[in-house]
N, C-alpha and C. Protein backbone atom coordinates (compact mmCIF):
# COMPACT_ATOMS: atom_id res chain seq x y z
N MET A 1 0.85 -1.20 0.00
CA MET A 1 0.00 0.00 0.00
C MET A 1 0.88 1.24 0.00
N LYS A 2 0.73 2.10 -1.02
CA LYS A 2 1.54 3.31 -1.10
C LYS A 2 1.03 4.34 -0.10
N SER A 3 1.95 5.10 0.44
CA SER A 3 1.59 6.12 1.41
C SER A 3 1.79 7.50 0.80
N PHE A 4 0.73 8.29 0.73
CA PHE A 4 0.84 9.66 0.23
C PHE A 4 -0.30 10.49 0.78
N ASP A 5 -0.03 11.78 0.91
CA ASP A 5 -0.98 12.73 1.49
C ASP A 5 -1.37 13.74 0.42
N LEU A 6 -2.60 13.66 -0.03
CA LEU A 6 -3.08 14.53 -1.11
C LEU A 6 -3.57 15.89 -0.62
N SER A 7 -3.54 16.14 0.68
CA SER A 7 -4.30 17.26 1.23
C SER A 7 -3.98 18.62 0.63
N LEU A 8 -2.71 18.96 0.43
CA LEU A 8 -2.36 20.22 -0.23
C LEU A 8 -1.38 19.93 -1.35
N TYR A 9 -1.93 19.87 -2.54
CA TYR A 9 -1.23 19.40 -3.74
C TYR A 9 -0.93 20.62 -4.62
N LEU A 10 0.33 21.00 -4.69
CA LEU A 10 0.74 22.15 -5.48
C LEU A 10 1.11 21.73 -6.90
N VAL A 11 0.46 22.35 -7.88
CA VAL A 11 0.82 22.14 -9.28
C VAL A 11 1.60 23.37 -9.74
N LEU A 12 2.84 23.17 -10.07
CA LEU A 12 3.70 24.29 -10.47
C LEU A 12 3.36 24.79 -11.87
N ASP A 13 3.36 26.10 -12.02
CA ASP A 13 3.13 26.73 -13.32
C ASP A 13 4.35 27.59 -13.64
N PRO A 14 5.09 27.25 -14.71
CA PRO A 14 6.34 27.97 -14.98
C PRO A 14 6.15 29.45 -15.24
N ASP A 15 5.03 29.84 -15.84
CA ASP A 15 4.80 31.26 -16.12
C ASP A 15 4.51 32.03 -14.84
N LEU A 16 3.62 31.50 -14.00
CA LEU A 16 3.29 32.17 -12.75
C LEU A 16 4.49 32.22 -11.80
N CYS A 17 5.33 31.18 -11.89
CA CYS A 17 6.49 31.08 -10.99
C CYS A 17 7.73 31.78 -11.55
N ALA A 18 7.59 32.44 -12.68
CA ALA A 18 8.76 32.94 -13.41
C ALA A 18 9.65 33.85 -12.57
N GLU A 19 9.05 34.67 -11.72
CA GLU A 19 9.84 35.66 -10.99
C GLU A 19 10.80 35.03 -10.00
N VAL A 20 10.33 34.04 -9.25
CA VAL A 20 11.21 33.40 -8.26
C VAL A 20 11.63 31.99 -8.66
N GLY A 21 10.98 31.42 -9.66
CA GLY A 21 11.33 30.09 -10.13
C GLY A 21 10.49 29.00 -9.48
N MET A 22 10.36 27.88 -10.17
CA MET A 22 9.54 26.79 -9.67
C MET A 22 10.16 26.12 -8.44
N VAL A 23 11.47 26.02 -8.42
CA VAL A 23 12.13 25.34 -7.31
C VAL A 23 11.94 26.12 -6.01
N GLU A 24 12.17 27.43 -6.07
CA GLU A 24 12.01 28.24 -4.85
C GLU A 24 10.54 28.32 -4.43
N THR A 25 9.63 28.36 -5.40
CA THR A 25 8.21 28.36 -5.08
C THR A 25 7.84 27.07 -4.35
N ALA A 26 8.32 25.96 -4.88
CA ALA A 26 8.04 24.66 -4.26
C ALA A 26 8.63 24.57 -2.86
N ARG A 27 9.86 25.03 -2.71
CA ARG A 27 10.53 24.99 -1.40
C ARG A 27 9.72 25.78 -0.36
N ALA A 28 9.28 26.97 -0.76
CA ALA A 28 8.50 27.82 0.15
C ALA A 28 7.15 27.21 0.47
N ALA A 29 6.49 26.67 -0.55
CA ALA A 29 5.16 26.09 -0.35
C ALA A 29 5.21 24.87 0.57
N VAL A 30 6.22 24.05 0.40
CA VAL A 30 6.37 22.87 1.26
C VAL A 30 6.67 23.30 2.70
N ALA A 31 7.46 24.34 2.86
CA ALA A 31 7.72 24.87 4.21
C ALA A 31 6.42 25.35 4.85
N GLY A 32 5.48 25.80 4.01
CA GLY A 32 4.19 26.26 4.51
C GLY A 32 3.17 25.16 4.72
N GLY A 33 3.45 23.97 4.19
CA GLY A 33 2.53 22.86 4.42
C GLY A 33 2.09 22.07 3.21
N ALA A 34 2.59 22.40 2.00
CA ALA A 34 2.24 21.60 0.82
C ALA A 34 2.77 20.18 0.98
N THR A 35 1.96 19.20 0.64
CA THR A 35 2.32 17.80 0.85
C THR A 35 2.81 17.11 -0.42
N ILE A 36 2.38 17.62 -1.57
CA ILE A 36 2.78 17.06 -2.86
C ILE A 36 3.07 18.23 -3.80
N VAL A 37 4.10 18.08 -4.61
CA VAL A 37 4.44 19.07 -5.63
C VAL A 37 4.42 18.37 -6.99
N GLN A 38 3.64 18.91 -7.91
CA GLN A 38 3.63 18.37 -9.27
C GLN A 38 4.38 19.32 -10.20
N LEU A 39 5.32 18.75 -10.94
CA LEU A 39 6.05 19.49 -11.96
C LEU A 39 5.28 19.38 -13.28
N ARG A 40 4.66 20.49 -13.67
CA ARG A 40 3.90 20.52 -14.92
C ARG A 40 4.42 21.67 -15.77
N ASP A 41 4.97 21.33 -16.92
CA ASP A 41 5.47 22.34 -17.85
C ASP A 41 5.25 21.82 -19.26
N LYS A 42 4.14 22.23 -19.85
CA LYS A 42 3.74 21.71 -21.16
C LYS A 42 4.62 22.23 -22.29
N HIS A 43 5.42 23.27 -22.02
CA HIS A 43 6.24 23.85 -23.08
C HIS A 43 7.69 23.39 -23.06
N ALA A 44 8.09 22.71 -22.00
CA ALA A 44 9.48 22.27 -21.86
C ALA A 44 9.66 20.88 -22.46
N ASP A 45 10.87 20.63 -22.98
CA ASP A 45 11.15 19.29 -23.47
C ASP A 45 11.59 18.41 -22.31
N THR A 46 11.78 17.13 -22.59
CA THR A 46 12.11 16.17 -21.54
C THR A 46 13.40 16.52 -20.81
N ALA A 47 14.40 16.97 -21.56
CA ALA A 47 15.69 17.32 -20.93
C ALA A 47 15.51 18.45 -19.92
N ALA A 48 14.71 19.45 -20.27
CA ALA A 48 14.49 20.58 -19.37
C ALA A 48 13.69 20.15 -18.14
N ILE A 49 12.72 19.27 -18.34
CA ILE A 49 11.93 18.77 -17.22
C ILE A 49 12.80 17.95 -16.27
N ILE A 50 13.68 17.15 -16.84
CA ILE A 50 14.59 16.36 -16.01
C ILE A 50 15.49 17.28 -15.18
N GLU A 51 16.00 18.33 -15.80
CA GLU A 51 16.87 19.27 -15.08
C GLU A 51 16.12 19.92 -13.91
N THR A 52 14.92 20.41 -14.19
CA THR A 52 14.11 21.02 -13.13
C THR A 52 13.72 19.99 -12.09
N GLY A 53 13.40 18.79 -12.55
CA GLY A 53 13.01 17.72 -11.64
C GLY A 53 14.10 17.35 -10.66
N HIS A 54 15.33 17.27 -11.13
CA HIS A 54 16.46 16.98 -10.23
C HIS A 54 16.60 18.08 -9.17
N ALA A 55 16.45 19.33 -9.61
CA ALA A 55 16.56 20.45 -8.67
C ALA A 55 15.43 20.42 -7.64
N LEU A 56 14.23 20.07 -8.08
CA LEU A 56 13.10 19.96 -7.16
C LEU A 56 13.31 18.81 -6.18
N LYS A 57 13.80 17.69 -6.68
CA LYS A 57 14.03 16.53 -5.83
C LYS A 57 15.02 16.89 -4.71
N ALA A 58 16.07 17.62 -5.07
CA ALA A 58 17.06 18.04 -4.08
C ALA A 58 16.44 19.01 -3.07
N ALA A 59 15.60 19.91 -3.56
CA ALA A 59 14.99 20.92 -2.69
C ALA A 59 14.00 20.28 -1.72
N LEU A 60 13.34 19.22 -2.13
CA LEU A 60 12.32 18.59 -1.31
C LEU A 60 12.87 17.47 -0.41
N ALA A 61 14.12 17.12 -0.61
CA ALA A 61 14.72 16.02 0.17
C ALA A 61 14.60 16.28 1.67
N GLY A 62 14.09 15.29 2.38
CA GLY A 62 13.98 15.39 3.81
C GLY A 62 12.75 16.11 4.33
N THR A 63 11.94 16.64 3.42
CA THR A 63 10.75 17.39 3.86
C THR A 63 9.53 16.49 4.04
N GLY A 64 9.54 15.33 3.41
CA GLY A 64 8.37 14.45 3.43
C GLY A 64 7.41 14.72 2.30
N ALA A 65 7.57 15.85 1.60
CA ALA A 65 6.72 16.15 0.45
C ALA A 65 7.14 15.30 -0.74
N LEU A 66 6.16 14.90 -1.55
CA LEU A 66 6.43 14.04 -2.69
C LEU A 66 6.47 14.84 -3.98
N LEU A 67 7.24 14.35 -4.94
CA LEU A 67 7.36 14.99 -6.25
C LEU A 67 6.67 14.13 -7.31
N ILE A 68 5.71 14.73 -8.00
CA ILE A 68 4.99 14.06 -9.09
C ILE A 68 5.32 14.78 -10.38
N VAL A 69 5.56 14.05 -11.45
CA VAL A 69 5.82 14.64 -12.77
C VAL A 69 4.58 14.48 -13.63
N ASN A 70 4.19 15.55 -14.27
CA ASN A 70 3.02 15.51 -15.15
C ASN A 70 3.40 15.01 -16.53
N ASP A 71 2.75 13.95 -16.95
CA ASP A 71 2.75 13.49 -18.35
C ASP A 71 4.04 12.84 -18.86
N ASP A 72 5.21 13.34 -18.48
CA ASP A 72 6.47 12.90 -19.08
C ASP A 72 7.02 11.67 -18.34
N VAL A 73 6.75 10.50 -18.89
CA VAL A 73 7.18 9.25 -18.25
C VAL A 73 8.69 9.15 -18.16
N GLU A 74 9.37 9.49 -19.26
CA GLU A 74 10.83 9.39 -19.27
C GLU A 74 11.45 10.26 -18.18
N ALA A 75 10.94 11.48 -18.04
CA ALA A 75 11.47 12.38 -17.01
C ALA A 75 11.19 11.82 -15.62
N ALA A 76 9.98 11.34 -15.40
CA ALA A 76 9.62 10.80 -14.08
C ALA A 76 10.54 9.66 -13.69
N ILE A 77 10.82 8.79 -14.62
CA ILE A 77 11.69 7.64 -14.34
C ILE A 77 13.13 8.09 -14.11
N THR A 78 13.61 8.99 -14.96
CA THR A 78 15.00 9.43 -14.89
C THR A 78 15.32 10.12 -13.58
N ILE A 79 14.42 10.98 -13.11
CA ILE A 79 14.70 11.72 -11.88
C ILE A 79 14.26 10.94 -10.63
N ARG A 80 13.69 9.75 -10.88
CA ARG A 80 13.20 8.92 -9.77
C ARG A 80 12.17 9.68 -8.94
N ALA A 81 11.24 10.26 -9.65
CA ALA A 81 10.15 10.97 -8.98
C ALA A 81 9.31 9.99 -8.17
N ASP A 82 8.53 10.53 -7.25
CA ASP A 82 7.65 9.68 -6.45
C ASP A 82 6.44 9.22 -7.24
N GLY A 83 6.12 9.97 -8.30
CA GLY A 83 4.94 9.59 -9.07
C GLY A 83 4.86 10.26 -10.42
N LEU A 84 3.88 9.79 -11.19
CA LEU A 84 3.57 10.30 -12.52
C LEU A 84 2.08 10.62 -12.54
N HIS A 85 1.73 11.75 -13.15
CA HIS A 85 0.31 12.07 -13.34
C HIS A 85 0.03 12.19 -14.82
N ILE A 86 -1.04 11.52 -15.27
CA ILE A 86 -1.39 11.57 -16.68
C ILE A 86 -2.83 12.02 -16.86
N GLY A 87 -3.08 12.64 -18.02
CA GLY A 87 -4.44 12.98 -18.40
C GLY A 87 -5.02 11.87 -19.26
N GLN A 88 -6.30 11.97 -19.52
CA GLN A 88 -6.98 10.94 -20.32
C GLN A 88 -6.41 10.85 -21.74
N GLU A 89 -5.92 11.99 -22.26
CA GLU A 89 -5.38 11.99 -23.63
C GLU A 89 -3.88 11.75 -23.67
N ASP A 90 -3.22 11.74 -22.52
CA ASP A 90 -1.77 11.61 -22.51
C ASP A 90 -1.29 10.20 -22.82
N MET A 91 -1.84 9.24 -22.10
CA MET A 91 -1.37 7.87 -22.22
C MET A 91 -2.35 6.95 -21.51
N ASP A 92 -2.47 5.74 -22.01
CA ASP A 92 -3.30 4.74 -21.36
C ASP A 92 -2.69 4.38 -20.00
N ALA A 93 -3.55 4.28 -18.98
CA ALA A 93 -3.06 4.00 -17.62
C ALA A 93 -2.32 2.67 -17.54
N ARG A 94 -2.77 1.69 -18.31
CA ARG A 94 -2.10 0.37 -18.27
C ARG A 94 -0.67 0.49 -18.80
N ARG A 95 -0.50 1.24 -19.88
CA ARG A 95 0.84 1.42 -20.44
C ARG A 95 1.72 2.23 -19.49
N ALA A 96 1.13 3.26 -18.89
CA ALA A 96 1.89 4.08 -17.95
C ALA A 96 2.38 3.22 -16.78
N ARG A 97 1.50 2.40 -16.24
CA ARG A 97 1.88 1.55 -15.11
C ARG A 97 2.97 0.57 -15.51
N ARG A 98 2.87 0.03 -16.70
CA ARG A 98 3.89 -0.91 -17.17
C ARG A 98 5.25 -0.23 -17.26
N LEU A 99 5.27 1.03 -17.69
CA LEU A 99 6.53 1.74 -17.86
C LEU A 99 7.14 2.18 -16.53
N ILE A 100 6.32 2.61 -15.59
CA ILE A 100 6.87 3.15 -14.34
C ILE A 100 7.05 2.09 -13.26
N GLY A 101 6.45 0.92 -13.47
CA GLY A 101 6.60 -0.15 -12.49
C GLY A 101 5.57 -0.05 -11.37
N PRO A 102 5.58 -1.00 -10.46
CA PRO A 102 4.54 -1.08 -9.44
C PRO A 102 4.67 -0.10 -8.28
N SER A 103 5.87 0.40 -8.02
CA SER A 103 6.08 1.18 -6.80
C SER A 103 5.81 2.66 -6.95
N MET A 104 5.91 3.20 -8.17
CA MET A 104 5.68 4.63 -8.37
C MET A 104 4.19 4.96 -8.31
N ILE A 105 3.85 6.09 -7.71
CA ILE A 105 2.46 6.55 -7.64
C ILE A 105 1.99 6.94 -9.03
N LEU A 106 0.77 6.56 -9.38
CA LEU A 106 0.18 6.96 -10.66
C LEU A 106 -1.13 7.69 -10.41
N GLY A 107 -1.20 8.93 -10.89
CA GLY A 107 -2.41 9.72 -10.80
C GLY A 107 -3.04 9.89 -12.17
N LEU A 108 -4.35 10.00 -12.22
CA LEU A 108 -5.07 10.10 -13.48
C LEU A 108 -6.11 11.20 -13.39
N SER A 109 -6.15 12.07 -14.40
CA SER A 109 -7.17 13.12 -14.45
C SER A 109 -8.52 12.53 -14.84
N VAL A 110 -9.57 12.98 -14.18
CA VAL A 110 -10.91 12.46 -14.40
C VAL A 110 -11.88 13.65 -14.49
N GLU A 111 -12.67 13.68 -15.58
CA GLU A 111 -13.54 14.83 -15.79
C GLU A 111 -15.03 14.50 -15.86
N THR A 112 -15.36 13.22 -15.96
CA THR A 112 -16.77 12.84 -16.10
C THR A 112 -17.10 11.67 -15.18
N GLU A 113 -18.40 11.44 -14.98
CA GLU A 113 -18.83 10.32 -14.15
C GLU A 113 -18.40 8.99 -14.77
N THR A 114 -18.48 8.89 -16.08
CA THR A 114 -18.09 7.65 -16.75
C THR A 114 -16.61 7.34 -16.52
N LEU A 115 -15.77 8.36 -16.67
CA LEU A 115 -14.33 8.16 -16.44
C LEU A 115 -14.03 7.87 -14.98
N SER A 116 -14.77 8.50 -14.09
CA SER A 116 -14.55 8.29 -12.66
C SER A 116 -14.84 6.84 -12.27
N ALA A 117 -15.94 6.33 -12.76
CA ALA A 117 -16.33 4.95 -12.44
C ALA A 117 -15.38 3.94 -13.07
N ALA A 118 -14.72 4.34 -14.16
CA ALA A 118 -13.87 3.41 -14.92
C ALA A 118 -12.43 3.34 -14.41
N VAL A 119 -12.08 4.14 -13.40
CA VAL A 119 -10.71 4.12 -12.88
C VAL A 119 -10.37 2.73 -12.35
N ASP A 120 -9.25 2.19 -12.80
CA ASP A 120 -8.83 0.84 -12.43
C ASP A 120 -7.95 0.90 -11.18
N VAL A 121 -8.45 0.35 -10.09
CA VAL A 121 -7.72 0.40 -8.82
C VAL A 121 -6.42 -0.41 -8.86
N ASP A 122 -6.29 -1.29 -9.80
CA ASP A 122 -5.06 -2.08 -9.91
C ASP A 122 -3.95 -1.31 -10.62
N LEU A 123 -4.32 -0.19 -11.24
CA LEU A 123 -3.35 0.61 -12.00
C LEU A 123 -3.13 2.00 -11.41
N VAL A 124 -4.22 2.62 -10.99
CA VAL A 124 -4.21 4.04 -10.61
C VAL A 124 -4.30 4.18 -9.09
N ASP A 125 -3.48 5.08 -8.54
CA ASP A 125 -3.44 5.28 -7.09
C ASP A 125 -4.33 6.42 -6.62
N TYR A 126 -4.50 7.44 -7.44
CA TYR A 126 -5.39 8.54 -7.08
C TYR A 126 -5.92 9.19 -8.35
N ALA A 127 -7.04 9.89 -8.20
CA ALA A 127 -7.64 10.61 -9.33
C ALA A 127 -7.62 12.10 -9.06
N GLY A 128 -7.27 12.87 -10.08
CA GLY A 128 -7.39 14.31 -10.02
C GLY A 128 -8.72 14.67 -10.66
N ILE A 129 -9.68 15.12 -9.86
CA ILE A 129 -11.04 15.31 -10.36
C ILE A 129 -11.33 16.79 -10.57
N GLY A 130 -11.82 17.11 -11.77
CA GLY A 130 -12.12 18.49 -12.11
C GLY A 130 -12.18 18.68 -13.62
N PRO A 131 -12.12 19.93 -14.07
CA PRO A 131 -11.94 21.12 -13.25
C PRO A 131 -13.20 21.48 -12.47
N VAL A 132 -13.03 21.84 -11.21
CA VAL A 132 -14.17 22.26 -10.41
C VAL A 132 -14.68 23.60 -10.93
N PHE A 133 -13.76 24.53 -11.15
CA PHE A 133 -14.08 25.83 -11.73
C PHE A 133 -13.17 26.09 -12.91
N GLY A 134 -13.54 27.04 -13.74
CA GLY A 134 -12.68 27.43 -14.85
C GLY A 134 -11.41 28.09 -14.33
N THR A 135 -10.33 27.93 -15.06
CA THR A 135 -9.06 28.51 -14.62
C THR A 135 -8.20 28.91 -15.81
N PRO A 136 -7.60 30.09 -15.79
CA PRO A 136 -6.73 30.53 -16.89
C PRO A 136 -5.39 29.79 -16.93
N THR A 137 -5.05 29.06 -15.86
CA THR A 137 -3.76 28.36 -15.86
C THR A 137 -3.79 27.12 -16.75
N LYS A 138 -4.99 26.72 -17.17
CA LYS A 138 -5.11 25.60 -18.11
C LYS A 138 -6.25 25.91 -19.07
N PRO A 139 -5.98 26.76 -20.07
CA PRO A 139 -7.05 27.25 -20.95
C PRO A 139 -7.77 26.18 -21.75
N ASP A 140 -7.15 25.02 -21.92
CA ASP A 140 -7.78 23.95 -22.70
C ASP A 140 -8.56 22.97 -21.82
N HIS A 141 -8.88 23.39 -20.59
CA HIS A 141 -9.55 22.45 -19.68
C HIS A 141 -10.96 22.11 -20.15
N LYS A 142 -11.44 20.98 -19.64
CA LYS A 142 -12.80 20.54 -19.96
C LYS A 142 -13.82 21.42 -19.24
N GLN A 143 -15.09 21.17 -19.52
CA GLN A 143 -16.17 21.92 -18.90
C GLN A 143 -16.11 21.79 -17.37
N PRO A 144 -16.13 22.92 -16.65
CA PRO A 144 -16.11 22.84 -15.18
C PRO A 144 -17.29 22.04 -14.63
N ILE A 145 -17.04 21.27 -13.58
CA ILE A 145 -18.08 20.39 -13.03
C ILE A 145 -18.75 20.97 -11.79
N GLY A 146 -18.16 22.01 -11.21
CA GLY A 146 -18.73 22.61 -10.01
C GLY A 146 -18.58 21.71 -8.80
N LEU A 147 -18.97 22.23 -7.65
CA LEU A 147 -18.84 21.46 -6.41
C LEU A 147 -19.79 20.28 -6.35
N ASP A 148 -20.98 20.43 -6.92
CA ASP A 148 -21.92 19.31 -6.95
C ASP A 148 -21.39 18.19 -7.83
N GLY A 149 -20.84 18.57 -8.98
CA GLY A 149 -20.24 17.57 -9.87
C GLY A 149 -19.06 16.88 -9.22
N LEU A 150 -18.27 17.66 -8.47
CA LEU A 150 -17.13 17.08 -7.75
C LEU A 150 -17.60 15.99 -6.80
N ALA A 151 -18.63 16.29 -6.03
CA ALA A 151 -19.16 15.32 -5.07
C ALA A 151 -19.67 14.07 -5.77
N ARG A 152 -20.33 14.25 -6.92
CA ARG A 152 -20.85 13.08 -7.67
C ARG A 152 -19.72 12.21 -8.16
N LEU A 153 -18.70 12.82 -8.77
CA LEU A 153 -17.59 12.04 -9.30
C LEU A 153 -16.81 11.34 -8.20
N ILE A 154 -16.62 12.01 -7.07
CA ILE A 154 -15.91 11.40 -5.95
C ILE A 154 -16.69 10.19 -5.42
N SER A 155 -18.00 10.31 -5.39
CA SER A 155 -18.82 9.24 -4.81
C SER A 155 -18.73 7.93 -5.59
N ILE A 156 -18.36 8.02 -6.86
CA ILE A 156 -18.27 6.79 -7.67
C ILE A 156 -16.83 6.44 -8.04
N CYS A 157 -15.88 7.25 -7.57
CA CYS A 157 -14.48 6.99 -7.88
C CYS A 157 -13.90 5.99 -6.89
N PRO A 158 -13.27 4.91 -7.34
CA PRO A 158 -12.80 3.85 -6.44
C PRO A 158 -11.44 4.11 -5.78
N VAL A 159 -10.80 5.24 -6.11
CA VAL A 159 -9.49 5.55 -5.52
C VAL A 159 -9.56 6.93 -4.85
N PRO A 160 -8.61 7.24 -3.98
CA PRO A 160 -8.58 8.57 -3.35
C PRO A 160 -8.55 9.67 -4.42
N SER A 161 -9.11 10.82 -4.08
CA SER A 161 -9.23 11.88 -5.08
C SER A 161 -8.73 13.21 -4.56
N VAL A 162 -8.20 14.01 -5.49
CA VAL A 162 -7.80 15.38 -5.20
C VAL A 162 -8.55 16.27 -6.19
N ALA A 163 -9.18 17.31 -5.68
CA ALA A 163 -9.95 18.24 -6.52
C ALA A 163 -9.00 19.24 -7.15
N ILE A 164 -9.32 19.65 -8.39
CA ILE A 164 -8.47 20.63 -9.08
C ILE A 164 -9.32 21.53 -9.96
N GLY A 165 -8.82 22.75 -10.15
CA GLY A 165 -9.49 23.67 -11.07
C GLY A 165 -10.01 24.92 -10.40
N GLY A 166 -9.20 25.99 -10.42
CA GLY A 166 -9.64 27.27 -9.90
C GLY A 166 -9.83 27.32 -8.40
N LEU A 167 -9.17 26.45 -7.66
CA LEU A 167 -9.40 26.36 -6.22
C LEU A 167 -8.47 27.28 -5.42
N LYS A 168 -9.05 27.87 -4.38
CA LYS A 168 -8.33 28.79 -3.49
C LYS A 168 -8.55 28.35 -2.04
N ALA A 169 -7.95 29.11 -1.12
CA ALA A 169 -8.09 28.80 0.30
C ALA A 169 -9.55 28.77 0.74
N GLY A 170 -10.35 29.64 0.16
CA GLY A 170 -11.75 29.72 0.55
C GLY A 170 -12.60 28.53 0.15
N HIS A 171 -12.04 27.63 -0.65
CA HIS A 171 -12.79 26.46 -1.11
C HIS A 171 -12.52 25.21 -0.26
N VAL A 172 -11.61 25.31 0.70
CA VAL A 172 -11.18 24.12 1.45
C VAL A 172 -12.37 23.37 2.05
N ASP A 173 -13.21 24.07 2.78
CA ASP A 173 -14.33 23.42 3.46
C ASP A 173 -15.21 22.66 2.48
N GLU A 174 -15.57 23.31 1.37
CA GLU A 174 -16.49 22.71 0.41
C GLU A 174 -15.87 21.50 -0.29
N VAL A 175 -14.60 21.60 -0.59
CA VAL A 175 -13.91 20.51 -1.28
C VAL A 175 -13.84 19.26 -0.40
N PHE A 176 -13.51 19.43 0.86
CA PHE A 176 -13.44 18.28 1.76
C PHE A 176 -14.84 17.76 2.08
N ARG A 177 -15.82 18.66 2.14
CA ARG A 177 -17.20 18.24 2.36
C ARG A 177 -17.70 17.37 1.20
N ALA A 178 -17.17 17.64 0.01
CA ALA A 178 -17.54 16.86 -1.17
C ALA A 178 -16.93 15.47 -1.16
N GLY A 179 -15.98 15.24 -0.24
CA GLY A 179 -15.38 13.91 -0.11
C GLY A 179 -13.96 13.78 -0.62
N ALA A 180 -13.37 14.89 -1.10
CA ALA A 180 -12.00 14.82 -1.61
C ALA A 180 -11.00 14.64 -0.48
N GLN A 181 -9.89 14.02 -0.80
CA GLN A 181 -8.80 13.86 0.17
C GLN A 181 -7.86 15.06 0.16
N GLY A 182 -8.08 15.97 -0.79
CA GLY A 182 -7.22 17.14 -0.86
C GLY A 182 -7.63 18.05 -1.99
N LEU A 183 -6.95 19.19 -2.08
CA LEU A 183 -7.20 20.08 -3.21
C LEU A 183 -5.88 20.46 -3.85
N ALA A 184 -5.91 20.52 -5.17
CA ALA A 184 -4.74 20.92 -5.94
C ALA A 184 -4.88 22.39 -6.29
N VAL A 185 -3.82 23.15 -6.07
CA VAL A 185 -3.86 24.58 -6.34
C VAL A 185 -2.70 24.97 -7.24
N VAL A 186 -2.92 26.03 -8.00
CA VAL A 186 -1.88 26.57 -8.86
C VAL A 186 -1.67 28.04 -8.49
N SER A 187 -2.57 28.90 -8.98
CA SER A 187 -2.40 30.34 -8.78
C SER A 187 -2.62 30.78 -7.34
N ALA A 188 -3.19 29.91 -6.51
CA ALA A 188 -3.36 30.26 -5.09
C ALA A 188 -2.01 30.32 -4.38
N ILE A 189 -0.98 29.72 -4.99
CA ILE A 189 0.37 29.75 -4.41
C ILE A 189 1.40 30.29 -5.42
N CYS A 190 1.38 29.76 -6.63
CA CYS A 190 2.35 30.18 -7.65
C CYS A 190 2.16 31.66 -8.02
N GLY A 191 3.25 32.41 -8.01
CA GLY A 191 3.18 33.81 -8.40
C GLY A 191 2.76 34.74 -7.29
N ARG A 192 2.46 34.22 -6.12
CA ARG A 192 2.08 35.06 -4.99
C ARG A 192 3.34 35.65 -4.35
N PRO A 193 3.22 36.84 -3.73
CA PRO A 193 4.39 37.46 -3.12
C PRO A 193 5.04 36.60 -2.04
N ASP A 194 4.22 35.82 -1.33
CA ASP A 194 4.74 34.97 -0.25
C ASP A 194 4.12 33.58 -0.34
N PRO A 195 4.68 32.71 -1.19
CA PRO A 195 4.12 31.36 -1.37
C PRO A 195 4.03 30.57 -0.08
N ARG A 196 5.00 30.76 0.82
CA ARG A 196 4.97 30.02 2.08
C ARG A 196 3.76 30.42 2.92
N ALA A 197 3.49 31.70 2.99
CA ALA A 197 2.35 32.18 3.77
C ALA A 197 1.03 31.71 3.17
N GLU A 198 0.94 31.71 1.84
CA GLU A 198 -0.29 31.25 1.18
C GLU A 198 -0.51 29.76 1.43
N ALA A 199 0.57 28.99 1.33
CA ALA A 199 0.46 27.56 1.60
C ALA A 199 0.07 27.31 3.06
N ALA A 200 0.65 28.08 3.96
CA ALA A 200 0.35 27.91 5.39
C ALA A 200 -1.11 28.22 5.69
N LEU A 201 -1.66 29.23 5.01
CA LEU A 201 -3.06 29.58 5.19
C LEU A 201 -3.97 28.43 4.77
N ILE A 202 -3.68 27.86 3.60
CA ILE A 202 -4.49 26.73 3.11
C ILE A 202 -4.31 25.51 4.00
N ALA A 203 -3.06 25.24 4.39
CA ALA A 203 -2.78 24.07 5.23
C ALA A 203 -3.50 24.17 6.57
N GLU A 204 -3.56 25.36 7.13
CA GLU A 204 -4.23 25.55 8.42
C GLU A 204 -5.73 25.29 8.28
N ARG A 205 -6.32 25.77 7.18
CA ARG A 205 -7.75 25.51 6.95
C ARG A 205 -8.01 24.01 6.77
N ILE A 206 -7.08 23.34 6.10
CA ILE A 206 -7.22 21.89 5.92
C ILE A 206 -7.17 21.17 7.28
N ARG A 207 -6.23 21.58 8.12
CA ARG A 207 -6.12 20.97 9.45
C ARG A 207 -7.42 21.12 10.24
N LYS A 208 -8.02 22.29 10.15
CA LYS A 208 -9.26 22.54 10.89
C LYS A 208 -10.40 21.67 10.35
N VAL A 209 -10.46 21.53 9.03
CA VAL A 209 -11.52 20.72 8.42
C VAL A 209 -11.35 19.24 8.76
N LYS A 210 -10.11 18.78 8.71
CA LYS A 210 -9.84 17.36 8.97
C LYS A 210 -9.87 17.04 10.47
N GLY A 211 -9.83 18.07 11.29
CA GLY A 211 -9.88 17.87 12.73
C GLY A 211 -8.62 17.29 13.29
């Protein structure tokens, strides 16, 4: 059984993080309470992702926070990331699992009830469910499902879930009430003047909700 904490899942955005960099943003966010950091850079090639991934791995060493790589299997394997996250159009979950092996965490994006119910527990460790709300950080996102849709998809999803899509500190209560194990944030931390303080604010709200 893999051990991971989805409660505060930071998805790095290279454009929003441009001023201080993704590594320093991640370091600050984890110091504030982020439990997972996802390296997502749709414009970088594998070599660049590997370089950033190694730097992130070094920055997160000893913190307990996990590093997930979005979409790029080769990079995830090369940097020995804790996990890989794929979208429905990126790669078949069975092939992804075969490539990364049994021990690496595998996350899968889920946008509909049909996809949620179809998640294979033998392959996938967690589902990223959303987008809950529209967000400019991913302009090609699917139709937002809202909080009611989030609750519906979670109720039929057979693996732990993290909500994503336009989420801020003010959504913590509703997201956990919907049954999610955590929320994924981008602009709520990336590009903020004090990423550590923003992460700490969200983490504190999560602690109160989880009791």
